[in-house]
Amino acid sequence: MGLALDEQKDSDKIFDGSGLTFLVEDELFERTKPLKVDYVSSPMGSGFSISSSMKPAAGCGSSCSC
């Protein structure tokens, strides 16, 4: 799961909040919901954090960034 800039597609789920618009592929949304996007700031840096209840695929190790 990642974050990327993309053009809107007819099948995307669209979410607006805090002046931002998020597009999520319908298939990905169905596999990952609930999906939480948050902006975090810490001494290590700042950026978007994406989390969900999606379980890693079989054979996916702890170093995987699925």
N, C-alpha and C. Protein backbone atom coordinates (compact mmCIF):
# COMPACT_ATOMS: atom_id res chain seq x y z
N MET A 1 0.85 -1.16 0.00
CA MET A 1 0.00 0.00 0.00
C MET A 1 0.90 1.22 0.00
N GLY A 2 0.60 2.17 -0.87
CA GLY A 2 1.43 3.35 -0.96
C GLY A 2 0.62 4.58 -1.27
N LEU A 3 1.32 5.68 -1.31
CA LEU A 3 0.71 6.96 -1.57
C LEU A 3 1.33 7.50 -2.85
N ALA A 4 0.52 7.94 -3.80
CA ALA A 4 1.03 8.46 -5.06
C ALA A 4 0.09 9.52 -5.61
N LEU A 5 0.64 10.39 -6.42
CA LEU A 5 -0.18 11.36 -7.13
C LEU A 5 -0.71 10.68 -8.38
N ASP A 6 -1.99 10.85 -8.66
CA ASP A 6 -2.59 10.16 -9.79
C ASP A 6 -3.78 10.97 -10.29
N GLU A 7 -4.23 10.65 -11.47
CA GLU A 7 -5.43 11.25 -12.03
C GLU A 7 -6.66 10.45 -11.57
N GLN A 8 -7.77 11.13 -11.39
CA GLN A 8 -8.99 10.48 -10.96
C GLN A 8 -9.53 9.54 -12.04
N LYS A 9 -9.97 8.37 -11.60
CA LYS A 9 -10.61 7.39 -12.48
C LYS A 9 -12.07 7.24 -12.04
N ASP A 10 -12.94 6.83 -12.95
CA ASP A 10 -14.37 6.69 -12.64
C ASP A 10 -14.63 5.75 -11.47
N SER A 11 -13.78 4.74 -11.29
CA SER A 11 -14.02 3.74 -10.25
C SER A 11 -13.43 4.13 -8.89
N ASP A 12 -12.72 5.27 -8.79
CA ASP A 12 -12.10 5.68 -7.53
C ASP A 12 -13.13 6.10 -6.49
N LYS A 13 -12.82 5.82 -5.24
CA LYS A 13 -13.57 6.37 -4.11
C LYS A 13 -12.96 7.75 -3.84
N ILE A 14 -13.77 8.74 -3.59
CA ILE A 14 -13.29 10.11 -3.40
C ILE A 14 -13.63 10.57 -1.99
N PHE A 15 -12.63 11.09 -1.29
CA PHE A 15 -12.80 11.59 0.07
C PHE A 15 -12.20 12.98 0.15
N ASP A 16 -12.94 13.92 0.71
CA ASP A 16 -12.48 15.29 0.91
C ASP A 16 -12.39 15.56 2.39
N GLY A 17 -11.30 16.21 2.80
CA GLY A 17 -11.17 16.58 4.20
C GLY A 17 -10.03 17.54 4.41
N SER A 18 -10.24 18.55 5.21
CA SER A 18 -9.22 19.54 5.56
C SER A 18 -8.58 20.18 4.34
N GLY A 19 -9.36 20.39 3.30
CA GLY A 19 -8.85 21.03 2.10
C GLY A 19 -8.09 20.10 1.16
N LEU A 20 -8.07 18.83 1.44
CA LEU A 20 -7.40 17.84 0.60
C LEU A 20 -8.41 16.87 0.01
N THR A 21 -8.13 16.37 -1.18
CA THR A 21 -8.96 15.35 -1.81
C THR A 21 -8.12 14.09 -1.96
N PHE A 22 -8.66 12.98 -1.46
CA PHE A 22 -7.98 11.69 -1.54
C PHE A 22 -8.75 10.79 -2.50
N LEU A 23 -8.02 10.14 -3.39
CA LEU A 23 -8.59 9.16 -4.32
C LEU A 23 -8.07 7.79 -3.91
N VAL A 24 -8.96 6.83 -3.76
CA VAL A 24 -8.56 5.47 -3.41
C VAL A 24 -9.17 4.53 -4.43
N GLU A 25 -8.32 3.68 -5.02
CA GLU A 25 -8.83 2.70 -5.98
C GLU A 25 -9.89 1.85 -5.30
N ASP A 26 -11.02 1.64 -5.96
CA ASP A 26 -12.14 0.91 -5.39
C ASP A 26 -11.72 -0.47 -4.87
N GLU A 27 -10.97 -1.23 -5.66
CA GLU A 27 -10.55 -2.57 -5.25
C GLU A 27 -9.66 -2.51 -4.01
N LEU A 28 -8.74 -1.56 -3.97
CA LEU A 28 -7.86 -1.41 -2.80
C LEU A 28 -8.67 -1.01 -1.58
N PHE A 29 -9.62 -0.10 -1.75
CA PHE A 29 -10.45 0.35 -0.63
C PHE A 29 -11.21 -0.82 -0.01
N GLU A 30 -11.77 -1.69 -0.85
CA GLU A 30 -12.53 -2.83 -0.35
C GLU A 30 -11.65 -3.79 0.45
N ARG A 31 -10.37 -3.91 0.10
CA ARG A 31 -9.46 -4.82 0.82
C ARG A 31 -8.89 -4.20 2.07
N THR A 32 -8.82 -2.88 2.15
CA THR A 32 -8.12 -2.22 3.25
C THR A 32 -9.00 -1.53 4.27
N LYS A 33 -10.30 -1.40 3.99
CA LYS A 33 -11.12 -0.61 4.91
C LYS A 33 -11.21 -1.26 6.28
N PRO A 34 -11.26 -0.54 7.36
CA PRO A 34 -11.20 0.91 7.36
C PRO A 34 -9.78 1.39 7.07
N LEU A 35 -9.67 2.49 6.38
CA LEU A 35 -8.41 3.08 5.97
C LEU A 35 -8.27 4.42 6.67
N LYS A 36 -7.11 4.65 7.29
CA LYS A 36 -6.89 5.91 8.01
C LYS A 36 -5.68 6.62 7.41
N VAL A 37 -5.88 7.87 6.99
CA VAL A 37 -4.80 8.71 6.49
C VAL A 37 -4.65 9.86 7.46
N ASP A 38 -3.43 10.05 7.96
CA ASP A 38 -3.19 11.09 8.95
C ASP A 38 -1.89 11.80 8.60
N TYR A 39 -1.76 13.06 8.97
CA TYR A 39 -0.51 13.79 8.80
C TYR A 39 0.16 13.85 10.15
N VAL A 40 1.39 13.36 10.23
CA VAL A 40 2.10 13.32 11.51
C VAL A 40 3.37 14.16 11.41
N SER A 41 3.73 14.74 12.53
CA SER A 41 4.95 15.53 12.62
C SER A 41 5.70 15.11 13.88
N SER A 42 6.99 14.82 13.72
CA SER A 42 7.81 14.40 14.85
C SER A 42 9.22 14.92 14.63
N PRO A 43 10.09 14.77 15.62
CA PRO A 43 11.49 15.20 15.44
C PRO A 43 12.18 14.48 14.26
N MET A 44 11.69 13.31 13.88
CA MET A 44 12.27 12.55 12.78
C MET A 44 11.80 13.07 11.41
N GLY A 45 10.76 13.90 11.39
CA GLY A 45 10.24 14.43 10.14
C GLY A 45 8.72 14.47 10.17
N SER A 46 8.15 14.82 9.04
CA SER A 46 6.70 14.88 8.96
C SER A 46 6.24 14.33 7.62
N GLY A 47 4.98 13.90 7.59
CA GLY A 47 4.43 13.36 6.36
C GLY A 47 3.14 12.61 6.64
N PHE A 48 2.62 11.98 5.60
CA PHE A 48 1.38 11.25 5.71
C PHE A 48 1.63 9.85 6.24
N SER A 49 0.74 9.39 7.09
CA SER A 49 0.77 8.03 7.63
C SER A 49 -0.51 7.34 7.16
N ILE A 50 -0.37 6.16 6.58
CA ILE A 50 -1.52 5.40 6.09
C ILE A 50 -1.58 4.10 6.87
N SER A 51 -2.74 3.80 7.44
CA SER A 51 -2.87 2.54 8.17
C SER A 51 -4.24 1.92 7.87
N SER A 52 -4.28 0.60 7.98
CA SER A 52 -5.53 -0.12 7.77
C SER A 52 -5.49 -1.42 8.56
N SER A 53 -6.58 -2.14 8.51
CA SER A 53 -6.63 -3.44 9.18
C SER A 53 -6.23 -4.56 8.24
N MET A 54 -5.71 -4.22 7.03
CA MET A 54 -5.32 -5.22 6.04
C MET A 54 -4.17 -6.06 6.58
N LYS A 55 -4.30 -7.36 6.46
CA LYS A 55 -3.26 -8.27 6.90
C LYS A 55 -2.26 -8.47 5.76
N PRO A 56 -0.95 -8.55 6.07
CA PRO A 56 0.04 -8.80 5.02
C PRO A 56 -0.23 -10.12 4.29
N ALA A 57 0.15 -10.15 3.03
CA ALA A 57 -0.01 -11.37 2.24
C ALA A 57 0.85 -12.49 2.83
N ALA A 58 0.46 -13.73 2.58
CA ALA A 58 1.23 -14.88 3.08
C ALA A 58 2.66 -14.79 2.59
N GLY A 59 3.61 -15.04 3.49
CA GLY A 59 5.01 -15.01 3.13
C GLY A 59 5.61 -13.62 3.18
N CYS A 60 4.84 -12.64 3.59
CA CYS A 60 5.32 -11.27 3.66
C CYS A 60 6.03 -11.11 5.00
N GLY A 61 7.32 -10.79 4.96
CA GLY A 61 8.10 -10.67 6.19
C GLY A 61 7.91 -9.33 6.87
N SER A 62 8.55 -9.17 8.02
CA SER A 62 8.39 -7.95 8.79
C SER A 62 9.03 -6.74 8.11
N SER A 63 9.96 -6.98 7.19
CA SER A 63 10.61 -5.85 6.50
C SER A 63 9.82 -5.41 5.27
N CYS A 64 8.72 -6.06 5.01
CA CYS A 64 7.91 -5.74 3.83
C CYS A 64 7.15 -4.44 4.04
N SER A 65 7.10 -3.61 3.01
CA SER A 65 6.29 -2.39 3.09
C SER A 65 5.14 -2.52 2.12
N CYS A 66 4.24 -3.43 2.42
CA CYS A 66 3.09 -3.72 1.56
C CYS A 66 2.13 -2.57 1.54
